[in-house]
C-alpha atoms as a PDB file:
ATOM      1  CA  MET A   1      -0.431   0.240   0.137  1.00  0.00           C
ATOM      2  CA  THR A   2       1.191   3.592  -1.163  1.00  0.00           C
ATOM      3  CA  GLU A   3      -0.058   6.685   0.453  1.00  0.00           C
ATOM      4  CA  THR A   4      -0.912  10.035  -1.606  1.00  0.00           C
ATOM      5  CA  VAL A   5      -1.873  13.296  -1.014  1.00  0.00           C
ATOM      6  CA  ASN A   6      -5.741  13.859  -0.908  1.00  0.00           C
ATOM      7  CA  ASP A   7      -6.043  17.442  -2.894  1.00  0.00           C
ATOM      8  CA  ALA A   8      -9.118  18.146  -1.222  1.00  0.00           C
ATOM      9  CA  THR A   9      -8.045  18.012   2.496  1.00  0.00           C
ATOM     10  CA  ASN A  10      -4.565  18.314   2.262  1.00  0.00           C
ATOM     11  CA  GLN A  11      -4.224  14.274   3.865  1.00  0.00           C
ATOM     12  CA  GLN A  12      -2.285  11.498   3.239  1.00  0.00           C
ATOM     13  CA  VAL A  13      -4.606   8.509   2.215  1.00  0.00           C
ATOM     14  CA  PRO A  14      -3.706   5.351   1.072  1.00  0.00           C
ATOM     15  CA  THR A  15      -3.995   3.723  -2.104  1.00  0.00           C
ATOM     16  CA  MET A  16      -3.695   0.075  -2.811  1.00  0.00           C
ATOM     17  CA  SER A  17      -1.130  -1.694  -4.481  1.00  0.00           C
ATOM     18  CA  ASP A  18      -3.155  -3.655  -6.882  1.00  0.00           C
ATOM     19  CA  ASP A  19      -5.606  -2.443  -9.174  1.00  0.00           C
ATOM     20  CA  THR A  20      -7.860  -0.259  -7.144  1.00  0.00           C
ATOM     21  CA  THR A  21      -7.474   3.188  -7.083  1.00  0.00           C
ATOM     22  CA  ASP A  22      -9.293   5.712  -4.218  1.00  0.00           C
ATOM     23  CA  TRP A  23     -11.586   7.922  -5.531  1.00  0.00           C
ATOM     24  CA  THR A  24      -8.702  10.955  -4.465  1.00  0.00           C
ATOM     25  CA  ALA A  25      -6.416   9.829  -6.598  1.00  0.00           C
ATOM     26  CA  LEU A  26      -8.798  10.059  -9.865  1.00  0.00           C
ATOM     27  CA  ARG A  27      -8.614  13.198 -11.462  1.00  0.00           C
ATOM     28  CA  GLU A  28     -12.120  13.963 -11.726  1.00  0.00           C
ATOM     29  CA  PHE A  29     -12.362  14.464  -8.176  1.00  0.00           C
ATOM     30  CA  LYS A  30      -9.626  17.112  -7.953  1.00  0.00           C
ATOM     31  CA  ALA A  31     -10.365  19.686  -5.359  1.00  0.00           C
ATOM     32  CA  VAL A  32     -13.756  18.037  -4.356  1.00  0.00           C
ATOM     33  CA  ASP A  33     -14.180  16.802  -1.306  1.00  0.00           C
ATOM     34  CA  LEU A  34     -16.236  13.703  -2.350  1.00  0.00           C
ATOM     35  CA  THR A  35     -17.011  12.625   1.477  1.00  0.00           C
ATOM     36  CA  ALA A  36     -18.289  15.794   2.067  1.00  0.00           C
ATOM     37  CA  SER A  37     -20.868  15.388  -0.706  1.00  0.00           C
ATOM     38  CA  TYR A  38     -24.312  14.303  -0.820  1.00  0.00           C
ATOM     39  CA  VAL A  39     -26.101  11.760  -2.913  1.00  0.00           C
ATOM     40  CA  LEU A  40     -29.749  13.622  -4.019  1.00  0.00           C
ATOM     41  CA  SER A  41     -31.386  11.310  -6.278  1.00  0.00           C
ATOM     42  CA  TRP A  42     -30.378   8.295  -8.531  1.00  0.00           C
ATOM     43  CA  HIS A  43     -31.667   7.679 -12.389  1.00  0.00           C
ATOM     44  CA  VAL A  44     -30.562   6.330 -15.738  1.00  0.00           C
ATOM     45  CA  ASN A  45     -30.297   8.672 -18.999  1.00  0.00           C
ATOM     46  CA  GLY A  46     -30.215   6.179 -21.985  1.00  0.00           C
ATOM     47  CA  GLU A  47     -27.042   4.444 -20.854  1.00  0.00           C
ATOM     48  CA  ALA A  48     -25.781   6.572 -18.016  1.00  0.00           C
ATOM     49  CA  LEU A  49     -26.323   6.106 -14.758  1.00  0.00           C
ATOM     50  CA  LEU A  50     -26.377   9.643 -12.945  1.00  0.00           C
ATOM     51  CA  LEU A  51     -26.285  10.654  -9.438  1.00  0.00           C
ATOM     52  CA  GLU A  52     -27.677  13.933  -8.673  1.00  0.00           C
ATOM     53  CA  LEU A  53     -24.887  15.487  -5.830  1.00  0.00           C
ATOM     54  CA  ASP A  54     -24.496  18.427  -3.341  1.00  0.00           C
ATOM     55  CA  ILE A  55     -20.890  18.487  -4.013  1.00  0.00           C
ATOM     56  CA  CYS A  56     -18.631  19.712  -1.370  1.00  0.00           C
ATOM     57  CA  LEU A  57     -15.561  22.236  -3.153  1.00  0.00           C
ATOM     58  CA  ALA A  58     -12.649  22.555  -1.839  1.00  0.00           C
ATOM     59  CA  PRO A  59     -10.913  25.912  -1.827  1.00  0.00           C
ATOM     60  CA  GLN A  60      -8.441  24.874  -4.641  1.00  0.00           C
ATOM     61  CA  HIS A  61     -11.170  24.408  -7.239  1.00  0.00           C
ATOM     62  CA  PRO A  62     -11.661  27.285  -9.783  1.00  0.00           C
ATOM     63  CA  PHE A  63     -15.315  27.335  -8.963  1.00  0.00           C
ATOM     64  CA  TYR A  64     -14.965  27.294  -5.273  1.00  0.00           C
ATOM     65  CA  GLU A  65     -16.505  30.573  -2.984  1.00  0.00           C
ATOM     66  CA  GLU A  66     -16.460  31.292   0.363  1.00  0.00           C
ATOM     67  CA  PRO A  67     -19.051  29.905   2.566  1.00  0.00           C
ATOM     68  CA  ARG A  68     -21.539  32.229   3.750  1.00  0.00           C
ATOM     69  CA  PRO A  69     -21.560  33.209   7.283  1.00  0.00           C
ATOM     70  CA  SER A  70     -24.062  30.566   8.058  1.00  0.00           C
ATOM     71  CA  GLU A  71     -22.492  27.579   5.627  1.00  0.00           C
ATOM     72  CA  ASP A  72     -19.812  25.470   6.663  1.00  0.00           C
ATOM     73  CA  ALA A  73     -18.732  24.594   3.081  1.00  0.00           C
ATOM     74  CA  CYS A  74     -19.019  25.522  -0.496  1.00  0.00           C
ATOM     75  CA  ILE A  75     -21.133  23.224  -1.876  1.00  0.00           C
ATOM     76  CA  ARG A  76     -22.326  23.317  -5.158  1.00  0.00           C
ATOM     77  CA  PRO A  77     -25.158  21.584  -7.324  1.00  0.00           C
ATOM     78  CA  GLY A  78     -23.985  18.943  -9.743  1.00  0.00           C
ATOM     79  CA  VAL A  79     -24.233  15.233 -11.300  1.00  0.00           C
ATOM     80  CA  LEU A  80     -22.154  12.128 -11.149  1.00  0.00           C
ATOM     81  CA  GLU A  81     -21.949  10.420 -14.236  1.00  0.00           C
ATOM     82  CA  PHE A  82     -21.012   7.002 -15.028  1.00  0.00           C
ATOM     83  CA  PRO A  83     -21.401   6.803 -18.663  1.00  0.00           C
ATOM     84  CA  TYR A  84     -22.339   2.854 -20.722  1.00  0.00           C
ATOM     85  CA  CYS A  85     -23.121   1.583 -16.751  1.00  0.00           C
ATOM     86  CA  VAL A  86     -23.627  -2.229 -17.875  1.00  0.00           C
ATOM     87  CA  ARG A  87     -24.333  -3.751 -14.623  1.00  0.00           C
ATOM     88  CA  LEU A  88     -25.527  -2.339 -10.882  1.00  0.00           C
ATOM     89  CA  VAL A  89     -25.027  -4.518  -7.762  1.00  0.00           C
ATOM     90  CA  ALA A  90     -26.456  -3.140  -4.547  1.00  0.00           C
ATOM     91  CA  ALA A  91     -28.818  -4.441  -1.300  1.00  0.00           C
ATOM     92  CA  ASN A  92     -27.852  -7.953  -2.623  1.00  0.00           C
ATOM     93  CA  ARG A  93     -29.373  -7.274  -5.785  1.00  0.00           C
ATOM     94  CA  THR A  94     -27.484  -7.284  -9.042  1.00  0.00           C
ATOM     95  CA  ALA A  95     -29.418  -5.512 -12.146  1.00  0.00           C
ATOM     96  CA  ASP A  96     -27.863  -5.718 -15.769  1.00  0.00           C
ATOM     97  CA  LYS A  97     -28.616  -2.824 -18.857  1.00  0.00           C
ATOM     98  CA  ALA A  98     -32.524  -3.315 -18.747  1.00  0.00           C
ATOM     99  CA  ALA A  99     -33.019  -3.532 -14.962  1.00  0.00           C
ATOM    100  CA  ILE A 100     -30.857  -0.641 -14.163  1.00  0.00           C
ATOM    101  CA  ALA A 101     -33.319   1.847 -13.967  1.00  0.00           C
ATOM    102  CA  GLY A 102     -35.365   0.065 -11.545  1.00  0.00           C
ATOM    103  CA  LEU A 103     -32.521  -0.846  -9.079  1.00  0.00           C
ATOM    104  CA  ALA A 104     -31.429   2.653  -9.238  1.00  0.00           C
ATOM    105  CA  SER A 105     -34.588   4.226  -8.356  1.00  0.00           C
ATOM    106  CA  ARG A 106     -34.808   2.287  -5.003  1.00  0.00           C
ATOM    107  CA  LEU A 107     -31.656   3.068  -3.940  1.00  0.00           C
ATOM    108  CA  GLY A 108     -31.237   5.237  -1.275  1.00  0.00           C
ATOM    109  CA  LEU A 109     -29.801   8.908  -0.653  1.00  0.00           C
ATOM    110  CA  GLY A 110     -27.324  10.608   1.992  1.00  0.00           C
ATOM    111  CA  ARG A 111     -23.187  11.210   2.121  1.00  0.00           C
ATOM    112  CA  ILE A 112     -20.708   9.331   0.482  1.00  0.00           C
ATOM    113  CA  ASN A 113     -18.460   7.690   2.389  1.00  0.00           C
ATOM    114  CA  GLY A 114     -16.311   6.546  -0.405  1.00  0.00           C
ATOM    115  CA  LEU A 115     -15.557   5.901  -3.942  1.00  0.00           C
ATOM    116  CA  ARG A 116     -12.596   3.680  -5.008  1.00  0.00           C
ATOM    117  CA  ARG A 117     -12.066   1.989  -9.036  1.00  0.00           C
ATOM    118  CA  THR A 118     -11.210  -1.587  -8.098  1.00  0.00           C
ATOM    119  CA  GLY A 119     -11.082  -3.046 -11.488  1.00  0.00           C
ATOM    120  CA  ASP A 120     -11.115  -1.558 -15.517  1.00  0.00           C
ATOM    121  CA  GLY A 121     -14.594  -0.416 -15.243  1.00  0.00           C
ATOM    122  CA  ILE A 122     -15.600  -1.522 -11.967  1.00  0.00           C
ATOM    123  CA  TYR A 123     -16.463   1.319  -9.570  1.00  0.00           C
ATOM    124  CA  GLU A 124     -17.573   0.537  -5.693  1.00  0.00           C
ATOM    125  CA  LEU A 125     -19.273   3.819  -4.180  1.00  0.00           C
ATOM    126  CA  GLN A 126     -20.117   3.654  -0.467  1.00  0.00           C
ATOM    127  CA  GLY A 127     -22.176   5.852   1.924  1.00  0.00           C
ATOM    128  CA  LYS A 128     -25.394   6.282   3.840  1.00  0.00           C
ATOM    129  CA  PHE A 129     -27.377   4.282   1.212  1.00  0.00           C
ATOM    130  CA  GLY A 130     -25.182   1.517   1.435  1.00  0.00           C
ATOM    131  CA  ASP A 131     -22.430  -0.293  -0.921  1.00  0.00           C
ATOM    132  CA  VAL A 132     -23.395  -0.183  -4.572  1.00  0.00           C
ATOM    133  CA  THR A 133     -21.203  -1.423  -7.351  1.00  0.00           C
ATOM    134  CA  ILE A 134     -21.272   0.114 -11.020  1.00  0.00           C
ATOM    135  CA  HIS A 135     -19.881  -1.441 -14.006  1.00  0.00           C
ATOM    136  CA  ALA A 136     -19.255   1.882 -15.985  1.00  0.00           C
ATOM    137  CA  GLU A 137     -16.926   3.780 -18.124  1.00  0.00           C
ATOM    138  CA  ARG A 138     -14.837   6.040 -16.528  1.00  0.00           C
ATOM    139  CA  PRO A 139     -17.255   8.977 -14.323  1.00  0.00           C
ATOM    140  CA  ILE A 140     -17.196  12.412 -15.184  1.00  0.00           C
ATOM    141  CA  LEU A 141     -18.116  14.900 -12.634  1.00  0.00           C
ATOM    142  CA  ARG A 142     -20.284  17.996 -13.931  1.00  0.00           C
ATOM    143  CA  LEU A 143     -21.291  21.284 -11.598  1.00  0.00           C
ATOM    144  CA  LYS A 144     -25.027  22.571 -12.601  1.00  0.00           C
ATOM    145  CA  SER A 145     -24.888  26.056 -13.353  1.00  0.00           C
ATOM    146  CA  LEU A 146     -26.430  28.270 -10.502  1.00  0.00           C
ATOM    147  CA  ALA A 147     -28.220  30.910 -12.992  1.00  0.00           C
ATOM    148  CA  SER A 148     -31.741  30.648 -12.547  1.00  0.00           C
END
């Protein structure tokens, strides 16, 4: 096991020496604190699994803004997309392509505890909603516009 520095928290975090990669080492999450982010909904659009999130941005993020006095962190709405999702495993249930939307709609919401890539196209997401394994292409994290 080796250690890398998390850009969001500036702390040492372990990375696995095999084909497992912690979310802090994935470029999609640079200057984001995923463990202070929340899943608001799960749904499918075409072949993509989409997670609506409240994303916690670190001060190094280009869209970071100083939190208001009543806020603890810079939180922005966003979407975590897993393109070409072919399998979803959660709560001892497995769903392949046609059934992914049904399983995704039953997943819980809440704070994210971790995400790691465990193999080529396999991602394990943990949180208040339980453990979810996603078989898909590399994730894409997008912030939503704050303009109305």
